[in-house]
Amino acid sequence: MSRSRLFSRPGASLTTSAFYILLSLSVQDRHGYDILKDVTLSSAGRVKVGPGTLYTTLKRLLDVGLIIEVEGRVDSERDDSRRRYYRLTGQGRAELAAELERMEHALKLARTRRARPAQ
């Protein structure tokens, strides 16, 4: 699967759904429904990823090695064998860090430009 579908354009930032999924997995391994809930919560309801987008994006993230599928969770009492759990890889963490750096740079630039008096 092409990496370009995870990014807004080749060599650029991640899509919103890919970013929030990676961000969700940066905290802990999660299953699909847990990712959906966390994305909505983390974005204060501004980003809602539907099941179709979620599983398509998860497949793409798996295909390019940014996440892996893992066997259940450590908390086996709450584990459901029907659920698939996902984990961020080292490459996924690096991509997320690069995306955060791009965002920080853009935010800094926006604040600098907004701080200048109008001419």
N, C-alpha and C. Protein backbone atom coordinates (compact mmCIF):
# COMPACT_ATOMS: atom_id res chain seq x y z
N MET A 1 0.85 -1.18 0.00
CA MET A 1 0.00 0.00 0.00
C MET A 1 0.89 1.23 0.00
N SER A 2 0.48 2.22 -0.67
CA SER A 2 1.26 3.44 -0.82
C SER A 2 1.25 4.28 0.45
N ARG A 3 2.41 4.81 0.78
CA ARG A 3 2.51 5.73 1.92
C ARG A 3 1.75 7.02 1.64
N SER A 4 1.59 7.36 0.36
CA SER A 4 1.00 8.65 0.01
C SER A 4 -0.43 8.79 0.52
N ARG A 5 -1.13 7.70 0.71
CA ARG A 5 -2.50 7.80 1.20
C ARG A 5 -2.58 8.11 2.69
N LEU A 6 -1.47 8.01 3.39
CA LEU A 6 -1.42 8.37 4.80
C LEU A 6 -1.09 9.84 4.99
N PHE A 7 -0.61 10.44 3.94
CA PHE A 7 -0.14 11.81 4.02
C PHE A 7 -1.00 12.70 3.14
N SER A 8 -1.10 13.98 3.52
CA SER A 8 -1.90 14.90 2.72
C SER A 8 -1.32 15.05 1.33
N ARG A 9 0.00 14.93 1.22
CA ARG A 9 0.69 14.85 -0.08
C ARG A 9 2.06 14.24 0.22
N PRO A 10 2.67 13.59 -0.75
CA PRO A 10 3.96 12.92 -0.49
C PRO A 10 4.98 13.85 0.16
N GLY A 11 5.63 13.37 1.22
CA GLY A 11 6.65 14.15 1.91
C GLY A 11 6.08 15.23 2.81
N ALA A 12 4.77 15.23 2.99
CA ALA A 12 4.14 16.28 3.79
C ALA A 12 3.55 15.67 5.07
N SER A 13 2.64 16.41 5.65
CA SER A 13 2.06 15.99 6.92
C SER A 13 1.12 14.80 6.78
N LEU A 14 0.94 14.10 7.90
CA LEU A 14 0.00 12.99 7.95
C LEU A 14 -1.42 13.49 7.77
N THR A 15 -2.31 12.61 7.31
CA THR A 15 -3.72 12.97 7.29
C THR A 15 -4.17 13.12 8.74
N THR A 16 -5.26 13.81 8.95
CA THR A 16 -5.78 14.02 10.29
C THR A 16 -6.07 12.69 10.97
N SER A 17 -6.72 11.77 10.26
CA SER A 17 -7.05 10.48 10.88
C SER A 17 -5.79 9.70 11.24
N ALA A 18 -4.80 9.66 10.36
CA ALA A 18 -3.55 8.94 10.65
C ALA A 18 -2.85 9.56 11.85
N PHE A 19 -2.80 10.88 11.91
CA PHE A 19 -2.16 11.56 13.04
C PHE A 19 -2.81 11.18 14.36
N TYR A 20 -4.13 11.30 14.44
CA TYR A 20 -4.82 11.02 15.70
C TYR A 20 -4.77 9.54 16.08
N ILE A 21 -4.75 8.65 15.11
CA ILE A 21 -4.60 7.22 15.41
C ILE A 21 -3.22 6.95 15.99
N LEU A 22 -2.18 7.50 15.38
CA LEU A 22 -0.82 7.32 15.92
C LEU A 22 -0.71 7.95 17.30
N LEU A 23 -1.31 9.11 17.48
CA LEU A 23 -1.28 9.78 18.78
C LEU A 23 -1.96 8.91 19.85
N SER A 24 -3.08 8.32 19.49
CA SER A 24 -3.80 7.44 20.41
C SER A 24 -2.94 6.24 20.81
N LEU A 25 -2.26 5.66 19.84
CA LEU A 25 -1.43 4.48 20.11
C LEU A 25 -0.11 4.83 20.79
N SER A 26 0.23 6.11 20.85
CA SER A 26 1.48 6.50 21.52
C SER A 26 1.37 6.33 23.04
N VAL A 27 0.15 6.24 23.54
CA VAL A 27 -0.08 6.10 24.98
C VAL A 27 -0.11 4.64 25.40
N GLN A 28 -0.80 3.81 24.62
CA GLN A 28 -0.93 2.39 24.95
C GLN A 28 -1.47 1.63 23.75
N ASP A 29 -1.35 0.31 23.80
CA ASP A 29 -1.97 -0.54 22.78
C ASP A 29 -3.48 -0.37 22.90
N ARG A 30 -4.15 -0.38 21.75
CA ARG A 30 -5.61 -0.21 21.77
C ARG A 30 -6.25 -1.05 20.68
N HIS A 31 -7.52 -1.34 20.87
CA HIS A 31 -8.32 -1.98 19.83
C HIS A 31 -9.10 -0.89 19.10
N GLY A 32 -9.72 -1.25 17.99
CA GLY A 32 -10.36 -0.27 17.12
C GLY A 32 -11.36 0.65 17.80
N TYR A 33 -12.30 0.08 18.55
CA TYR A 33 -13.32 0.92 19.18
C TYR A 33 -12.70 1.86 20.21
N ASP A 34 -11.69 1.38 20.92
CA ASP A 34 -10.99 2.22 21.89
C ASP A 34 -10.28 3.38 21.18
N ILE A 35 -9.71 3.11 20.01
CA ILE A 35 -9.07 4.17 19.23
C ILE A 35 -10.11 5.21 18.83
N LEU A 36 -11.27 4.76 18.34
CA LEU A 36 -12.34 5.70 17.95
C LEU A 36 -12.71 6.62 19.10
N LYS A 37 -12.92 6.04 20.28
CA LYS A 37 -13.29 6.84 21.46
C LYS A 37 -12.18 7.81 21.83
N ASP A 38 -10.93 7.33 21.81
CA ASP A 38 -9.81 8.18 22.21
C ASP A 38 -9.59 9.34 21.24
N VAL A 39 -9.76 9.09 19.94
CA VAL A 39 -9.59 10.16 18.95
C VAL A 39 -10.63 11.26 19.21
N THR A 40 -11.87 10.87 19.44
CA THR A 40 -12.92 11.85 19.71
C THR A 40 -12.61 12.62 20.99
N LEU A 41 -12.20 11.92 22.03
CA LEU A 41 -11.87 12.55 23.31
C LEU A 41 -10.65 13.46 23.19
N SER A 42 -9.59 12.96 22.58
CA SER A 42 -8.34 13.72 22.45
C SER A 42 -8.50 14.99 21.63
N SER A 43 -9.40 14.95 20.67
CA SER A 43 -9.61 16.12 19.81
C SER A 43 -10.74 17.00 20.31
N ALA A 44 -11.23 16.72 21.51
CA ALA A 44 -12.35 17.47 22.09
C ALA A 44 -13.55 17.46 21.15
N GLY A 45 -13.76 16.33 20.47
CA GLY A 45 -14.90 16.18 19.58
C GLY A 45 -14.73 16.80 18.20
N ARG A 46 -13.60 17.43 17.95
CA ARG A 46 -13.39 18.10 16.66
C ARG A 46 -13.10 17.11 15.54
N VAL A 47 -12.55 15.95 15.90
CA VAL A 47 -12.23 14.92 14.90
C VAL A 47 -13.01 13.67 15.25
N LYS A 48 -13.79 13.21 14.30
CA LYS A 48 -14.54 11.96 14.48
C LYS A 48 -14.18 11.06 13.32
N VAL A 49 -13.55 9.95 13.64
CA VAL A 49 -13.14 8.99 12.63
C VAL A 49 -14.18 7.87 12.64
N GLY A 50 -14.81 7.63 11.51
CA GLY A 50 -15.78 6.55 11.40
C GLY A 50 -15.09 5.21 11.23
N PRO A 51 -15.83 4.12 11.39
CA PRO A 51 -15.23 2.78 11.28
C PRO A 51 -14.55 2.53 9.93
N GLY A 52 -15.14 2.98 8.85
CA GLY A 52 -14.53 2.76 7.53
C GLY A 52 -13.18 3.43 7.41
N THR A 53 -13.12 4.70 7.81
CA THR A 53 -11.86 5.44 7.78
C THR A 53 -10.85 4.82 8.74
N LEU A 54 -11.31 4.45 9.93
CA LEU A 54 -10.42 3.87 10.93
C LEU A 54 -9.73 2.62 10.39
N TYR A 55 -10.51 1.66 9.92
CA TYR A 55 -9.91 0.38 9.52
C TYR A 55 -9.12 0.49 8.22
N THR A 56 -9.52 1.39 7.34
CA THR A 56 -8.71 1.63 6.13
C THR A 56 -7.37 2.24 6.53
N THR A 57 -7.40 3.21 7.43
CA THR A 57 -6.16 3.86 7.87
C THR A 57 -5.29 2.89 8.66
N LEU A 58 -5.89 2.08 9.53
CA LEU A 58 -5.11 1.09 10.28
C LEU A 58 -4.40 0.13 9.32
N LYS A 59 -5.09 -0.31 8.28
CA LYS A 59 -4.46 -1.21 7.31
C LYS A 59 -3.28 -0.54 6.64
N ARG A 60 -3.43 0.71 6.27
CA ARG A 60 -2.33 1.44 5.63
C ARG A 60 -1.16 1.63 6.59
N LEU A 61 -1.47 1.96 7.84
CA LEU A 61 -0.41 2.12 8.85
C LEU A 61 0.32 0.80 9.08
N LEU A 62 -0.42 -0.30 9.08
CA LEU A 62 0.19 -1.63 9.20
C LEU A 62 1.08 -1.92 8.00
N ASP A 63 0.57 -1.64 6.81
CA ASP A 63 1.30 -1.94 5.57
C ASP A 63 2.64 -1.22 5.47
N VAL A 64 2.71 0.00 6.01
CA VAL A 64 3.96 0.76 5.91
C VAL A 64 4.81 0.65 7.18
N GLY A 65 4.37 -0.15 8.14
CA GLY A 65 5.18 -0.43 9.32
C GLY A 65 5.15 0.61 10.42
N LEU A 66 4.13 1.47 10.43
CA LEU A 66 4.05 2.47 11.50
C LEU A 66 3.37 1.90 12.74
N ILE A 67 2.58 0.84 12.56
CA ILE A 67 1.96 0.13 13.67
C ILE A 67 2.07 -1.37 13.40
N ILE A 68 1.86 -2.15 14.46
CA ILE A 68 1.78 -3.61 14.32
C ILE A 68 0.55 -4.09 15.07
N GLU A 69 0.09 -5.26 14.72
CA GLU A 69 -1.00 -5.90 15.45
C GLU A 69 -0.37 -6.77 16.53
N VAL A 70 -0.94 -6.72 17.74
CA VAL A 70 -0.39 -7.49 18.86
C VAL A 70 -1.46 -8.40 19.44
N GLU A 71 -1.00 -9.42 20.16
CA GLU A 71 -1.91 -10.37 20.82
C GLU A 71 -2.47 -9.76 22.08
N GLY A 72 -3.74 -9.44 22.10
CA GLY A 72 -4.41 -8.98 23.31
C GLY A 72 -3.65 -7.96 24.13
N ARG A 73 -4.16 -7.69 25.30
CA ARG A 73 -3.53 -6.74 26.21
C ARG A 73 -3.02 -7.47 27.43
N VAL A 74 -2.21 -6.76 28.18
CA VAL A 74 -1.67 -7.32 29.42
C VAL A 74 -2.80 -7.60 30.41
N ASP A 75 -3.81 -6.74 30.43
CA ASP A 75 -4.95 -6.89 31.33
C ASP A 75 -5.89 -7.94 30.75
N SER A 76 -5.59 -9.22 30.98
CA SER A 76 -6.34 -10.30 30.34
C SER A 76 -7.78 -10.40 30.83
N GLU A 77 -8.09 -9.86 32.00
CA GLU A 77 -9.47 -9.87 32.49
C GLU A 77 -10.39 -9.09 31.55
N ARG A 78 -9.88 -8.02 31.00
CA ARG A 78 -10.70 -7.16 30.14
C ARG A 78 -10.46 -7.44 28.66
N ASP A 79 -9.60 -8.39 28.36
CA ASP A 79 -9.26 -8.71 26.98
C ASP A 79 -10.40 -9.48 26.32
N ASP A 80 -10.66 -9.19 25.08
CA ASP A 80 -11.66 -9.89 24.29
C ASP A 80 -10.94 -10.49 23.09
N SER A 81 -10.98 -11.80 22.97
CA SER A 81 -10.21 -12.47 21.91
C SER A 81 -10.65 -12.07 20.51
N ARG A 82 -11.83 -11.50 20.36
CA ARG A 82 -12.30 -11.08 19.03
C ARG A 82 -11.69 -9.75 18.60
N ARG A 83 -11.17 -9.02 19.55
CA ARG A 83 -10.62 -7.70 19.24
C ARG A 83 -9.20 -7.81 18.74
N ARG A 84 -8.87 -6.90 17.82
CA ARG A 84 -7.50 -6.78 17.35
C ARG A 84 -6.88 -5.57 18.03
N TYR A 85 -5.72 -5.77 18.59
CA TYR A 85 -5.02 -4.69 19.28
C TYR A 85 -3.85 -4.23 18.43
N TYR A 86 -3.58 -2.93 18.50
CA TYR A 86 -2.54 -2.32 17.68
C TYR A 86 -1.53 -1.62 18.57
N ARG A 87 -0.28 -1.57 18.10
CA ARG A 87 0.81 -0.94 18.84
C ARG A 87 1.63 -0.09 17.88
N LEU A 88 2.05 1.06 18.35
CA LEU A 88 2.93 1.95 17.60
C LEU A 88 4.33 1.34 17.53
N THR A 89 4.95 1.36 16.36
CA THR A 89 6.33 0.87 16.20
C THR A 89 7.31 2.02 16.41
N GLY A 90 8.58 1.71 16.44
CA GLY A 90 9.60 2.75 16.52
C GLY A 90 9.50 3.71 15.35
N GLN A 91 9.27 3.14 14.17
CA GLN A 91 9.10 3.97 12.97
C GLN A 91 7.86 4.85 13.10
N GLY A 92 6.80 4.30 13.69
CA GLY A 92 5.58 5.08 13.91
C GLY A 92 5.81 6.23 14.88
N ARG A 93 6.57 5.96 15.95
CA ARG A 93 6.90 7.03 16.91
C ARG A 93 7.72 8.13 16.24
N ALA A 94 8.65 7.72 15.38
CA ALA A 94 9.48 8.70 14.68
C ALA A 94 8.62 9.55 13.74
N GLU A 95 7.70 8.93 13.04
CA GLU A 95 6.81 9.67 12.13
C GLU A 95 5.91 10.61 12.91
N LEU A 96 5.39 10.16 14.04
CA LEU A 96 4.56 11.01 14.89
C LEU A 96 5.37 12.18 15.42
N ALA A 97 6.60 11.94 15.85
CA ALA A 97 7.47 13.02 16.34
C ALA A 97 7.75 14.03 15.23
N ALA A 98 7.98 13.55 14.02
CA ALA A 98 8.23 14.45 12.89
C ALA A 98 6.99 15.29 12.59
N GLU A 99 5.83 14.68 12.70
CA GLU A 99 4.58 15.41 12.46
C GLU A 99 4.38 16.48 13.53
N LEU A 100 4.64 16.13 14.77
CA LEU A 100 4.52 17.11 15.86
C LEU A 100 5.50 18.26 15.67
N GLU A 101 6.69 17.96 15.20
CA GLU A 101 7.68 19.01 14.92
C GLU A 101 7.18 19.94 13.81
N ARG A 102 6.59 19.36 12.75
CA ARG A 102 6.03 20.19 11.67
C ARG A 102 4.93 21.10 12.20
N MET A 103 4.08 20.54 13.07
CA MET A 103 2.98 21.32 13.64
C MET A 103 3.50 22.44 14.54
N GLU A 104 4.50 22.12 15.36
CA GLU A 104 5.08 23.14 16.25
C GLU A 104 5.70 24.27 15.44
N HIS A 105 6.39 23.93 14.37
CA HIS A 105 6.99 24.94 13.50
C HIS A 105 5.90 25.82 12.89
N ALA A 106 4.85 25.21 12.39
CA ALA A 106 3.75 25.97 11.77
C ALA A 106 3.08 26.87 12.80
N LEU A 107 2.87 26.37 14.01
CA LEU A 107 2.25 27.17 15.06
C LEU A 107 3.13 28.34 15.46
N LYS A 108 4.42 28.10 15.58
CA LYS A 108 5.36 29.17 15.92
C LYS A 108 5.35 30.25 14.83
N LEU A 109 5.35 29.83 13.58
CA LEU A 109 5.31 30.77 12.46
C LEU A 109 4.01 31.57 12.49
N ALA A 110 2.90 30.91 12.72
CA ALA A 110 1.61 31.60 12.76
C ALA A 110 1.57 32.62 13.89
N ARG A 111 2.09 32.25 15.05
CA ARG A 111 2.10 33.18 16.18
C ARG A 111 3.00 34.38 15.90
N THR A 112 4.14 34.13 15.27
CA THR A 112 5.06 35.21 14.93
C THR A 112 4.41 36.19 13.96
N ARG A 113 3.77 35.66 12.97
CA ARG A 113 3.13 36.53 11.96
C ARG A 113 1.93 37.26 12.52
N ARG A 114 1.21 36.64 13.40
CA ARG A 114 0.06 37.29 14.00
C ARG A 114 0.50 38.39 14.96
N ALA A 115 1.69 38.23 15.55
CA ALA A 115 2.19 39.19 16.53
C ALA A 115 2.66 40.49 15.89
N ARG A 116 2.94 40.46 14.60
CA ARG A 116 3.41 41.67 13.93
C ARG A 116 2.27 42.66 13.75
N PRO A 117 2.56 43.95 13.93
CA PRO A 117 1.52 44.96 13.72
C PRO A 117 1.12 45.02 12.25
N ALA A 118 -0.15 45.28 12.02
CA ALA A 118 -0.65 45.42 10.65
C ALA A 118 -0.05 46.66 10.01
N GLN A 119 0.23 46.56 8.72
CA GLN A 119 0.84 47.71 8.02
C GLN A 119 -0.09 48.28 7.00
